[in-house]
Protein backbone atom coordinates (compact mmCIF):
# COMPACT_ATOMS: atom_id res chain seq x y z
CA MET A 1 27.71 -130.90 27.77
CA ASN A 2 25.87 -129.90 24.60
CA LYS A 3 25.20 -126.43 26.02
CA TYR A 4 28.92 -126.03 26.79
CA ILE A 5 29.90 -126.98 23.21
CA LEU A 6 27.27 -124.62 21.75
CA ARG A 7 28.48 -121.68 23.86
CA THR A 8 32.11 -122.36 22.92
CA SER A 9 31.24 -122.47 19.19
CA LEU A 10 29.34 -119.21 19.37
CA PHE A 11 32.26 -117.57 21.20
CA TRP A 12 34.81 -118.55 18.52
CA LEU A 13 32.43 -117.53 15.71
CA LEU A 14 32.11 -114.08 17.29
CA ILE A 15 35.91 -113.74 17.58
CA PHE A 16 36.32 -114.81 13.93
CA ALA A 17 33.74 -112.22 12.74
CA VAL A 18 35.52 -109.42 14.64
CA VAL A 19 38.88 -110.36 13.08
CA ILE A 20 37.41 -110.44 9.58
CA GLY A 21 35.83 -106.98 10.13
CA VAL A 22 39.12 -105.44 11.30
CA VAL A 23 41.03 -106.88 8.31
CA ALA A 24 38.40 -105.63 5.86
CA TYR A 25 38.41 -102.14 7.40
CA ARG A 26 42.22 -101.85 7.20
CA SER A 27 42.20 -103.12 3.61
CA HIS A 28 39.58 -100.52 2.70
CA ARG A 29 41.64 -97.72 4.30
CA GLN A 30 44.75 -98.82 2.40
CA GLN A 31 42.91 -98.88 -0.92
CA ARG A 32 41.62 -95.36 -0.33
CA ALA A 33 45.13 -94.18 0.46
CA ILE A 34 46.51 -95.54 -2.85
CA PRO A 35 45.55 -93.26 -5.77
CA TYR A 36 46.18 -95.94 -8.42
CA SER A 37 44.75 -99.40 -8.73
CA ASP A 38 48.03 -101.32 -8.59
CA GLY A 39 49.62 -99.20 -5.89
CA VAL A 40 52.63 -98.12 -8.08
CA GLN A 41 53.37 -94.39 -7.81
CA PRO A 42 54.12 -92.76 -11.20
CA ILE A 43 57.32 -90.92 -12.00
CA ALA A 44 55.89 -87.42 -11.95
CA SER A 45 57.41 -84.03 -12.67
CA GLY A 46 54.17 -82.12 -13.22
CA PRO A 47 51.42 -81.20 -10.76
CA ALA A 48 50.03 -84.06 -8.70
CA PRO A 49 46.43 -85.11 -9.25
CA GLN A 50 44.04 -83.02 -7.21
CA PRO A 51 42.01 -84.84 -4.52
CA ARG A 52 38.42 -85.62 -5.31
CA THR A 53 37.18 -85.39 -1.74
CA SER A 54 38.25 -83.89 1.54
CA HIS A 55 37.48 -85.17 5.03
CA THR A 56 36.16 -83.39 8.07
CA ALA A 57 37.35 -84.07 11.62
CA SER A 58 34.57 -86.59 12.03
CA GLY A 59 35.73 -88.54 8.98
CA MET A 60 32.76 -87.56 6.79
CA ALA A 61 33.67 -87.20 3.11
CA MET A 62 32.97 -83.72 1.79
CA PRO A 63 33.12 -82.52 -1.83
CA SER A 64 36.47 -80.96 -2.63
CA GLN A 65 36.54 -77.26 -3.42
CA LYS A 66 39.65 -77.66 -5.61
CA MET A 67 38.44 -79.98 -8.32
CA GLU A 68 38.97 -77.40 -11.07
CA THR A 69 42.29 -77.35 -12.93
CA PRO A 70 43.75 -73.86 -13.47
CA LEU A 71 43.32 -72.55 -16.99
CA VAL A 72 45.73 -70.60 -19.18
CA PRO A 73 45.30 -68.81 -22.52
CA VAL A 74 45.36 -70.98 -25.63
CA GLN A 75 47.35 -70.09 -28.74
CA LEU A 76 46.04 -71.61 -31.99
CA SER A 77 46.93 -71.12 -35.62
CA SER A 78 44.29 -70.24 -38.18
CA ASP A 79 44.41 -73.79 -39.53
CA GLN A 80 43.82 -75.19 -36.06
CA MET A 81 40.89 -72.86 -35.40
CA GLN A 82 39.34 -73.87 -38.70
CA SER A 83 39.90 -77.58 -38.20
CA ILE A 84 38.22 -77.71 -34.76
CA GLY A 85 35.40 -75.39 -35.83
CA VAL A 86 36.09 -72.29 -33.73
CA LYS A 87 33.50 -69.57 -34.34
CA THR A 88 33.31 -66.17 -32.70
CA GLY A 89 30.61 -63.70 -31.69
CA THR A 90 30.27 -60.41 -29.82
CA VAL A 91 29.17 -59.42 -26.33
CA GLU A 92 26.36 -56.91 -26.83
CA TYR A 93 23.37 -55.21 -25.29
CA LYS A 94 19.93 -56.37 -26.39
CA GLN A 95 16.35 -55.48 -25.61
CA LEU A 96 15.14 -58.79 -24.28
CA SER A 97 11.65 -60.20 -24.43
CA ASP A 98 11.45 -63.79 -23.37
CA ASP A 99 8.76 -66.37 -24.08
CA ILE A 100 7.90 -68.90 -21.39
CA ARG A 101 5.72 -71.74 -22.56
CA ALA A 102 3.45 -73.59 -20.17
CA THR A 103 0.22 -75.53 -20.01
CA GLY A 104 -2.89 -74.53 -18.13
CA THR A 105 -6.58 -75.04 -17.53
CA VAL A 106 -9.54 -72.71 -17.88
CA ASP A 107 -11.37 -71.77 -14.70
CA ILE A 108 -14.30 -69.50 -13.77
CA ASP A 109 -13.37 -65.99 -12.64
CA GLU A 110 -14.58 -66.07 -9.05
CA ARG A 111 -15.19 -62.31 -9.06
CA LEU A 112 -17.77 -62.73 -11.80
CA VAL A 113 -19.82 -65.31 -9.88
CA SER A 114 -23.20 -64.34 -8.34
CA TYR A 115 -25.36 -66.31 -5.91
CA VAL A 116 -29.15 -66.18 -5.77
CA GLN A 117 -30.68 -66.45 -2.28
CA VAL A 118 -33.79 -65.08 -0.55
CA ARG A 119 -33.78 -63.06 2.66
CA PHE A 120 -36.98 -64.53 4.01
CA PRO A 121 -38.22 -68.10 4.39
CA GLY A 122 -40.81 -69.37 1.95
CA TYR A 123 -42.01 -72.04 -0.44
CA ILE A 124 -40.92 -72.11 -4.08
CA ARG A 125 -43.93 -72.33 -6.40
CA LYS A 126 -42.74 -72.17 -10.04
CA VAL A 127 -39.22 -72.65 -11.43
CA PHE A 128 -38.47 -70.99 -14.77
CA ALA A 129 -34.67 -71.54 -15.02
CA ASN A 130 -34.58 -75.29 -14.51
CA ALA A 131 -31.32 -76.51 -16.12
CA THR A 132 -27.68 -76.26 -15.19
CA TYR A 133 -25.53 -74.23 -17.65
CA GLU A 134 -28.65 -72.55 -18.99
CA TYR A 135 -27.92 -68.96 -19.99
CA VAL A 136 -29.98 -66.28 -18.22
CA ARG A 137 -30.02 -62.53 -18.72
CA LYS A 138 -30.03 -59.92 -16.03
CA GLY A 139 -33.63 -59.32 -14.82
CA GLU A 140 -34.92 -62.59 -16.26
CA ALA A 141 -37.34 -64.51 -13.97
CA LEU A 142 -35.83 -67.49 -12.19
CA PHE A 143 -38.65 -68.69 -9.88
CA THR A 144 -41.61 -67.55 -7.76
CA ILE A 145 -41.85 -67.91 -3.99
CA TYR A 146 -44.65 -67.72 -1.43
CA SER A 147 -43.67 -66.46 2.03
CA PRO A 148 -46.17 -65.97 4.88
CA ASP A 149 -43.75 -63.51 6.48
CA LEU A 150 -43.53 -61.50 3.28
CA VAL A 151 -47.31 -61.41 2.88
CA ALA A 152 -47.71 -60.25 6.48
CA THR A 153 -45.16 -57.48 5.97
CA GLN A 154 -46.95 -56.33 2.82
CA GLN A 155 -50.22 -56.15 4.70
CA GLU A 156 -48.56 -54.14 7.45
CA TYR A 157 -47.21 -51.81 4.80
CA LEU A 158 -50.63 -51.35 3.21
CA LEU A 159 -52.19 -50.70 6.61
CA ALA A 160 -49.50 -48.18 7.48
CA ARG A 161 -50.08 -46.35 4.20
CA GLN A 162 -53.83 -46.26 4.84
CA ASN A 163 -53.26 -44.88 8.35
CA GLU A 164 -50.86 -42.31 6.93
CA LYS A 165 -53.56 -41.02 4.57
CA THR A 166 -56.12 -40.95 7.37
CA MET A 167 -53.90 -39.23 9.90
CA SER A 168 -52.38 -36.74 7.48
CA ALA A 169 -55.24 -34.30 8.12
CA SER A 170 -55.04 -34.65 11.92
CA THR A 171 -54.36 -31.43 13.86
CA VAL A 172 -53.01 -33.34 16.83
CA ASP A 173 -49.29 -32.64 17.13
CA GLY A 174 -47.15 -35.67 16.08
CA VAL A 175 -49.93 -37.96 14.89
CA ALA A 176 -49.36 -37.40 11.15
CA ALA A 177 -45.58 -37.71 11.50
CA GLY A 178 -45.92 -40.96 13.46
CA ALA A 179 -48.17 -42.52 10.82
CA ALA A 180 -45.72 -41.51 8.07
CA SER A 181 -42.78 -43.06 9.95
CA LEU A 182 -44.64 -46.37 10.35
CA SER A 183 -45.31 -46.48 6.61
CA ALA A 184 -41.66 -45.69 5.79
CA ALA A 185 -40.43 -48.40 8.18
CA ALA A 186 -42.64 -51.04 6.59
CA GLU A 187 -41.44 -50.05 3.10
CA GLN A 188 -37.83 -50.12 4.24
CA ARG A 189 -38.29 -53.68 5.54
CA LEU A 190 -39.53 -54.77 2.09
CA GLN A 191 -36.48 -53.17 0.48
CA GLN A 192 -34.13 -54.95 2.89
CA TRP A 193 -35.73 -58.22 1.85
CA ASP A 194 -34.73 -57.41 -1.75
CA VAL A 195 -38.31 -57.03 -2.95
CA PRO A 196 -37.94 -55.35 -6.37
CA GLU A 197 -39.02 -51.73 -6.65
CA SER A 198 -41.38 -52.76 -9.42
CA GLU A 199 -43.21 -55.09 -6.99
CA ILE A 200 -43.41 -52.34 -4.34
CA ALA A 201 -44.82 -49.96 -6.95
CA LYS A 202 -47.39 -52.58 -7.94
CA LEU A 203 -48.26 -53.02 -4.26
CA LYS A 204 -48.87 -49.28 -3.89
CA GLU A 205 -50.96 -49.19 -7.04
CA THR A 206 -53.21 -52.20 -6.40
CA GLY A 207 -53.35 -52.08 -2.63
CA LYS A 208 -53.24 -55.88 -2.52
CA ALA A 209 -50.48 -58.07 -1.08
CA ILE A 210 -48.55 -60.18 -3.59
CA SER A 211 -48.69 -63.83 -2.61
CA ASP A 212 -46.19 -65.21 -5.16
CA LEU A 213 -43.12 -62.99 -5.50
CA THR A 214 -41.03 -63.39 -8.68
CA ILE A 215 -37.23 -63.53 -8.15
CA ASN A 216 -35.12 -62.33 -11.10
CA SER A 217 -31.50 -63.02 -12.06
CA PRO A 218 -29.17 -60.30 -10.71
CA VAL A 219 -26.65 -60.76 -13.58
CA SER A 220 -26.31 -62.24 -17.04
CA GLY A 221 -24.45 -65.54 -17.22
CA TYR A 222 -24.59 -69.29 -17.09
CA ILE A 223 -26.21 -71.25 -14.28
CA THR A 224 -23.39 -73.39 -12.86
CA GLU A 225 -25.36 -74.63 -9.84
CA LYS A 226 -29.15 -75.06 -9.40
CA ASN A 227 -30.85 -76.10 -6.16
CA ALA A 228 -34.28 -74.51 -6.68
CA LEU A 229 -37.10 -77.09 -6.99
CA PRO A 230 -40.89 -76.67 -7.07
CA ASN A 231 -42.57 -76.84 -3.62
CA MET A 232 -39.19 -76.69 -1.88
CA TYR A 233 -38.97 -74.80 1.39
CA ALA A 234 -36.17 -72.25 1.11
CA GLU A 235 -34.46 -70.44 3.95
CA PRO A 236 -32.17 -67.38 3.75
CA ALA A 237 -29.11 -69.65 4.05
CA THR A 238 -30.14 -71.75 1.03
CA ARG A 239 -28.09 -71.11 -2.13
CA LEU A 240 -30.68 -71.56 -4.88
CA TYR A 241 -28.63 -70.60 -7.97
CA THR A 242 -25.01 -69.87 -8.89
CA VAL A 243 -24.66 -67.73 -12.00
CA ALA A 244 -21.24 -67.17 -13.61
CA ASP A 245 -20.33 -64.59 -16.21
CA LEU A 246 -17.98 -66.35 -18.66
CA SER A 247 -17.22 -63.36 -20.86
CA ARG A 248 -13.89 -63.26 -18.99
CA VAL A 249 -12.26 -66.33 -17.46
CA TRP A 250 -9.19 -67.32 -15.53
CA VAL A 251 -6.46 -69.50 -17.02
CA ILE A 252 -4.32 -71.23 -14.40
CA ALA A 253 -0.89 -71.79 -15.98
CA GLU A 254 1.57 -74.28 -14.48
CA VAL A 255 5.00 -72.59 -14.71
CA PHE A 256 8.22 -74.29 -13.62
CA GLN A 257 9.65 -72.70 -10.50
CA ASN A 258 12.92 -71.80 -12.29
CA ASP A 259 11.00 -69.50 -14.66
CA VAL A 260 8.78 -67.74 -12.12
CA GLY A 261 11.40 -65.10 -11.31
CA ARG A 262 11.14 -63.74 -14.85
CA LEU A 263 7.41 -63.06 -14.57
CA LYS A 264 5.44 -60.29 -12.89
CA PRO A 265 1.77 -59.23 -12.71
CA GLY A 266 0.76 -57.31 -15.80
CA ASP A 267 2.87 -59.29 -18.28
CA HIS A 268 1.10 -60.25 -21.49
CA ALA A 269 0.07 -63.81 -22.28
CA ALA A 270 -1.24 -65.57 -25.36
CA VAL A 271 -3.52 -68.59 -24.94
CA THR A 272 -4.19 -71.17 -27.63
CA VAL A 273 -6.32 -74.29 -27.63
CA ASP A 274 -6.30 -77.26 -29.98
CA ALA A 275 -10.05 -76.94 -30.58
CA TYR A 276 -9.52 -73.57 -32.32
CA PRO A 277 -6.05 -73.71 -33.94
CA ASP A 278 -6.57 -70.40 -35.74
CA ARG A 279 -7.58 -68.44 -32.62
CA THR A 280 -5.36 -66.74 -30.05
CA PHE A 281 -6.83 -65.39 -26.83
CA SER A 282 -4.98 -62.51 -25.18
CA GLY A 283 -4.67 -62.01 -21.45
CA ARG A 284 -2.53 -60.65 -18.64
CA ILE A 285 -0.95 -62.08 -15.52
CA GLU A 286 -3.06 -61.18 -12.49
CA ASP A 287 -1.34 -63.12 -9.73
CA ILE A 288 1.56 -65.49 -9.17
CA LEU A 289 0.17 -67.78 -6.51
CA PRO A 290 2.44 -68.30 -3.47
CA GLN A 291 2.70 -72.08 -3.54
CA VAL A 292 4.82 -74.68 -5.34
CA ASP A 293 3.40 -78.05 -6.33
CA MET A 294 5.67 -80.55 -4.54
CA THR A 295 5.15 -83.19 -7.23
CA THR A 296 5.65 -81.21 -10.45
CA ARG A 297 7.76 -78.35 -8.98
CA THR A 298 5.53 -75.83 -10.74
CA VAL A 299 3.91 -72.59 -9.60
CA ARG A 300 0.35 -71.65 -10.53
CA VAL A 301 0.13 -68.36 -12.41
CA ARG A 302 -3.36 -66.87 -12.75
CA LEU A 303 -4.22 -65.10 -16.00
CA ALA A 304 -7.28 -62.98 -16.81
CA VAL A 305 -8.35 -63.77 -20.37
CA SER A 306 -11.21 -62.27 -22.36
CA ASN A 307 -13.52 -64.96 -23.71
CA PRO A 308 -15.63 -63.69 -26.61
CA GLY A 309 -18.21 -66.20 -27.73
CA VAL A 310 -17.42 -68.35 -24.69
CA LYS A 311 -14.95 -70.40 -26.72
CA LEU A 312 -12.92 -71.18 -23.61
CA LYS A 313 -14.86 -73.61 -21.44
CA PRO A 314 -14.12 -74.13 -17.73
CA GLY A 315 -11.89 -77.18 -17.35
CA MET A 316 -10.49 -76.93 -20.88
CA PHE A 317 -6.76 -77.72 -21.35
CA VAL A 318 -4.86 -74.87 -23.05
CA ASN A 319 -1.35 -73.84 -24.09
CA VAL A 320 0.05 -70.61 -22.66
CA ASP A 321 2.80 -68.39 -24.08
CA LEU A 322 3.92 -65.89 -21.43
CA LYS A 323 5.74 -62.75 -22.56
CA SER A 324 8.43 -61.64 -20.11
CA ALA A 325 10.09 -58.28 -20.74
CA SER A 326 13.62 -58.19 -19.26
CA GLY A 327 14.67 -54.77 -20.59
CA ARG A 328 18.04 -53.91 -22.13
CA ARG A 329 20.67 -56.35 -20.86
CA LEU A 330 24.24 -57.41 -21.69
CA VAL A 331 24.11 -60.87 -23.28
CA VAL A 332 26.21 -63.54 -24.96
CA PRO A 333 25.04 -66.47 -27.09
CA ALA A 334 24.23 -69.49 -24.93
CA SER A 335 26.65 -71.58 -27.02
CA ALA A 336 29.53 -69.36 -25.83
CA VAL A 337 29.20 -70.50 -22.22
CA PHE A 338 31.10 -73.55 -21.02
CA GLN A 339 29.84 -75.09 -17.78
CA THR A 340 32.62 -76.87 -15.90
CA GLY A 341 30.48 -77.81 -12.92
CA LEU A 342 31.89 -75.28 -10.47
CA ARG A 343 32.59 -72.46 -12.90
CA GLN A 344 31.08 -70.78 -15.92
CA LEU A 345 33.64 -69.88 -18.59
CA VAL A 346 33.69 -67.83 -21.76
CA PHE A 347 36.73 -67.77 -24.08
CA VAL A 348 37.66 -64.23 -25.13
CA ASP A 349 39.24 -63.83 -28.57
CA HIS A 350 42.18 -61.39 -28.37
CA GLY A 351 43.07 -61.91 -32.03
CA GLN A 352 45.93 -63.73 -33.74
CA GLY A 353 44.59 -67.04 -32.40
CA ARG A 354 45.02 -66.09 -28.72
CA LEU A 355 42.00 -67.27 -26.72
CA GLU A 356 41.71 -66.48 -23.02
CA PRO A 357 39.28 -68.28 -20.63
CA LYS A 358 37.39 -65.89 -18.36
CA ASP A 359 35.17 -66.64 -15.39
CA VAL A 360 31.74 -65.02 -15.72
CA VAL A 361 28.65 -64.62 -13.59
CA LEU A 362 25.50 -65.26 -15.59
CA GLY A 363 21.83 -64.54 -15.14
CA SER A 364 18.90 -66.33 -16.71
CA ARG A 365 18.75 -67.66 -20.24
CA VAL A 366 16.50 -65.74 -22.63
CA GLY A 367 15.93 -67.60 -25.86
CA ASP A 368 19.32 -68.27 -27.47
CA ASP A 369 21.11 -65.72 -25.25
CA VAL A 370 22.31 -65.66 -21.65
CA ILE A 371 22.40 -62.50 -19.51
CA VAL A 372 25.89 -61.54 -18.32
CA LEU A 373 26.01 -60.12 -14.80
CA LYS A 374 29.78 -59.91 -14.35
CA GLY A 375 33.04 -60.71 -16.15
CA LEU A 376 32.58 -59.31 -19.66
CA ASP A 377 32.21 -55.92 -21.37
CA ALA A 378 30.24 -54.92 -24.42
CA HIS A 379 31.86 -55.37 -27.85
CA GLN A 380 34.33 -58.04 -26.69
CA ARG A 381 34.81 -60.89 -29.16
CA ILE A 382 34.14 -64.34 -27.74
CA VAL A 383 34.23 -67.94 -28.93
CA THR A 384 30.77 -69.39 -29.61
CA SER A 385 31.71 -72.97 -30.54
CA ALA A 386 34.31 -75.68 -29.78
CA ASN A 387 34.50 -74.52 -26.14
CA PHE A 388 34.91 -78.06 -24.84
CA LEU A 389 38.04 -78.61 -26.92
CA LEU A 390 39.44 -75.23 -25.91
CA ASP A 391 38.81 -75.98 -22.22
CA SER A 392 40.61 -79.29 -22.51
CA GLU A 393 43.52 -77.61 -24.32
CA SER A 394 43.75 -74.91 -21.66
CA GLN A 395 43.74 -77.46 -18.83
CA LEU A 396 46.42 -79.46 -20.64
CA GLU A 397 48.65 -76.41 -21.03
CA ALA A 398 48.21 -75.55 -17.36
CA SER A 399 48.95 -79.10 -16.21
CA ALA A 400 52.09 -79.29 -18.36
CA GLY A 401 53.46 -76.31 -16.45
CA SER A 402 54.60 -74.44 -19.56
CA TYR A 403 53.08 -72.65 -22.48
CA THR A 404 54.72 -72.93 -25.89
CA PRO A 405 52.87 -71.51 -28.91
CA PRO A 406 52.80 -73.86 -31.88
CA PRO A 407 54.48 -72.85 -35.13
CA PRO A 408 52.37 -71.60 -38.04
CA GLY A 409 50.76 -74.35 -40.03
CA ALA A 410 50.87 -76.99 -37.31
CA GLY A 411 47.99 -79.49 -37.25
CA ASN A 412 45.53 -79.84 -34.42
CA ALA A 413 46.58 -83.35 -33.42
CA THR A 414 50.37 -82.88 -33.40
CA GLN A 415 52.35 -79.76 -32.46
CA GLN A 416 56.16 -79.50 -32.75
CA THR A 417 58.50 -76.56 -32.22
CA SER A 418 61.29 -77.75 -34.53
CA THR A 419 62.07 -80.22 -37.29
CA VAL A 420 62.84 -82.94 -34.75
CA ASP A 421 60.55 -85.90 -35.38
CA VAL A 422 58.98 -87.36 -32.22
CA ASP A 423 57.70 -90.95 -32.46
CA PHE A 424 55.74 -92.09 -29.38
CA THR A 425 54.77 -95.71 -28.57
CA THR A 426 53.53 -97.61 -25.50
CA ASN A 427 53.83 -101.13 -24.16
CA PRO A 428 51.23 -102.57 -24.09
CA ASN A 429 49.67 -100.91 -27.12
CA PRO A 430 47.12 -99.52 -26.51
CA PRO A 431 48.02 -98.72 -22.90
CA HIS A 432 45.82 -99.80 -20.03
CA LYS A 433 44.86 -98.58 -16.60
CA GLY A 434 47.85 -99.11 -14.32
CA SER A 435 51.56 -99.42 -15.10
CA ASN A 436 52.78 -98.94 -18.68
CA THR A 437 56.08 -98.50 -20.54
CA PHE A 438 56.42 -95.36 -22.70
CA ARG A 439 58.98 -95.05 -25.53
CA VAL A 440 59.99 -92.07 -27.65
CA LYS A 441 62.28 -92.08 -30.69
CA LEU A 442 63.85 -88.76 -31.73
CA THR A 443 65.02 -88.23 -35.28
CA GLY A 444 66.59 -85.02 -36.57
CA ALA A 445 65.95 -83.29 -39.91
CA ASN A 446 68.97 -85.06 -41.39
CA GLY A 447 67.58 -88.44 -40.40
CA ASN A 448 70.10 -88.98 -37.62
CA PRO A 449 68.98 -89.93 -34.09
CA VAL A 450 68.87 -87.15 -31.50
CA THR A 451 70.74 -87.99 -28.30
CA GLY A 452 71.34 -86.22 -24.99
CA ALA A 453 67.80 -85.00 -24.63
CA GLU A 454 65.51 -84.86 -21.61
CA ILE A 455 61.97 -86.05 -22.32
CA THR A 456 58.88 -85.57 -20.18
CA VAL A 457 55.60 -87.24 -21.13
CA THR A 458 52.54 -85.69 -19.44
CA PHE A 459 49.16 -87.42 -19.45
CA PHE A 460 46.09 -85.31 -18.70
CA MET A 461 42.39 -86.16 -18.44
CA PRO A 462 39.96 -83.18 -17.97
CA SER A 463 37.63 -83.09 -15.02
CA MET A 464 34.14 -84.55 -15.33
CA PRO A 465 32.08 -82.81 -12.60
CA ALA A 466 28.88 -84.57 -13.65
CA MET A 467 30.52 -87.87 -12.66
CA GLY A 468 32.23 -86.41 -9.58
CA MET A 469 35.73 -86.84 -11.12
CA ALA A 470 38.52 -84.31 -10.76
CA ALA A 471 41.10 -83.68 -13.46
CA MET A 472 43.94 -86.23 -13.48
CA THR A 473 47.57 -85.60 -14.41
CA THR A 474 50.43 -88.09 -14.64
CA ALA A 475 53.97 -87.27 -15.76
CA ALA A 476 56.82 -89.64 -16.58
CA LYS A 477 60.52 -88.93 -17.18
CA LEU A 478 62.10 -90.98 -19.99
CA THR A 479 65.76 -92.00 -19.90
CA PRO A 480 67.94 -92.63 -22.98
CA THR A 481 68.55 -96.23 -24.03
CA GLY A 482 70.76 -95.39 -27.00
CA ASN A 483 70.45 -94.55 -30.71
CA GLY A 484 67.83 -91.80 -30.10
CA LEU A 485 65.58 -94.07 -28.09
CA TYR A 486 64.15 -93.06 -24.69
CA GLU A 487 62.09 -95.17 -22.29
CA GLY A 488 60.31 -94.79 -18.94
CA GLN A 489 57.57 -96.16 -16.72
CA GLY A 490 54.31 -94.43 -15.81
CA ASN A 491 50.99 -95.21 -14.22
CA LEU A 492 47.59 -94.28 -15.68
CA GLY A 493 44.95 -93.90 -13.00
CA SER A 494 41.98 -94.59 -15.28
CA GLY A 495 40.91 -95.93 -18.59
CA GLY A 496 39.54 -93.55 -21.23
CA THR A 497 40.91 -90.83 -23.47
CA TRP A 498 44.08 -89.11 -22.26
CA GLN A 499 45.68 -86.00 -23.71
CA VAL A 500 49.42 -86.53 -24.09
CA THR A 501 52.06 -83.79 -24.22
CA ILE A 502 55.66 -84.78 -25.02
CA THR A 503 58.25 -82.13 -24.16
CA VAL A 504 61.82 -82.55 -25.44
CA GLN A 505 64.60 -80.41 -23.90
CA GLN A 506 68.27 -80.20 -24.77
CA SER A 507 70.75 -78.03 -22.91
CA GLY A 508 67.88 -76.49 -20.93
CA LYS A 509 65.93 -75.43 -24.04
CA ILE A 510 62.80 -76.96 -25.52
CA ILE A 511 63.64 -78.34 -28.95
CA ALA A 512 60.36 -80.14 -29.68
CA THR A 513 56.86 -80.72 -28.37
CA LYS A 514 54.14 -83.04 -29.50
CA GLN A 515 50.50 -83.39 -28.46
CA LEU A 516 48.22 -86.31 -29.19
CA HIS A 517 45.37 -88.37 -27.74
CA ILE A 518 45.50 -92.00 -26.68
CA ASN A 519 42.73 -94.31 -25.51
CA ALA A 520 43.62 -96.39 -22.47
CA GLU A 521 41.82 -99.62 -21.72
CA GLY A 522 40.25 -100.36 -18.34
CA GLY A 523 37.50 -98.84 -16.24
CA MET A 524 37.26 -95.36 -14.79
């Protein structure tokens, strides 16, 4: 009986969970289908808000390719340009030389490293260079070695020389030549064993085999590795000393992968180190190593740097200034470029306050300038400041669906095309995300109310690509309520700062416009 009750309970719990899941899924789909939080569609006469995402056949959300609002030229008065801080510059050609700063470490130049080994087995007797990082000069004695094989070869050489002298007077054909060849072969074996010519000359002069052969340093430098010890048995494979010439060193610079494309072998580099703040070491790029560090996203760039006085020590941390020559390129100031997320814009100044947004294709940034690959010509005047405000103004004009230049002397917060006074209020005040009531009062120059007008209020919020938000536009038509008053309902899809454009028409003609900003309460 208990098992029957348990099974029945589990069955109904499973049914209940399935029902809850279906209801939640449908609710989620309905919320996604409603563009505003309260589900009320706004009274709109302007363009509808653009979708933020699109969906593939499989239902996967994909980023929309139409998040950008179209842009139109902006017409500003001189007072407006001054009040928002519009500054202009020129598109021009420049001879570019960029500096890329990086950090690095000093390393031994592997091509200046020598290894000391013997080519015959033997026993080390005396060790003269007996400390790591001791400086030795080329030809300076490092150690002595006794080798039975070497002594036997010397004795064979001496015997061959003696036979050569004895047989040189022989009249038998080939005897003298054979003795000479045996002597030459024994001498050649000594040379292949790297026995110095001075020791061979001494062997010829004394006629006695050398028991303890002195091994000298092949180069001048610092001993970075020492394995030679007294009475040690050494074989040809034993590395007894490593000697490095530090008059020139490598500096391994860690350069961010985004900057590597501006560098090439042969470019100049300046190296500084905190230990010698008044010294600069010059070098050149030898190689850009073909590997990226997965942790730091940097590429190792190898520099050859002269090291007078051995001031740069292996392992030392240094600062590197890489000089990249880009040649003569068309550039604009970096402050002139406005990044919208999907586009790169520059506002071109056509004079008389007319500013046109232009799409451009840009290269790398060099100092305070950016290389222009496409979209601009030399000597064009461009805006170098206040681009964000201009972009918002251009999007607002495009979303309003009309372009009406402001009259001379109009302020930057309010623009009107006639002497009609436009007073705008909201209920609640300030407005909030969701449904709101908008009111406009029109008063003529004589102080009388203006009736019979058609009023459109357009709300616009620019796109914010960094937050994945498309531009939003909401328009509301206001109807007259009498005595110059007009009222209508509208829905704001988000809290935040909205740009408001009020357009007043009478008999098919625009008699007044007004632009302002309002802050709506509520989340995004």
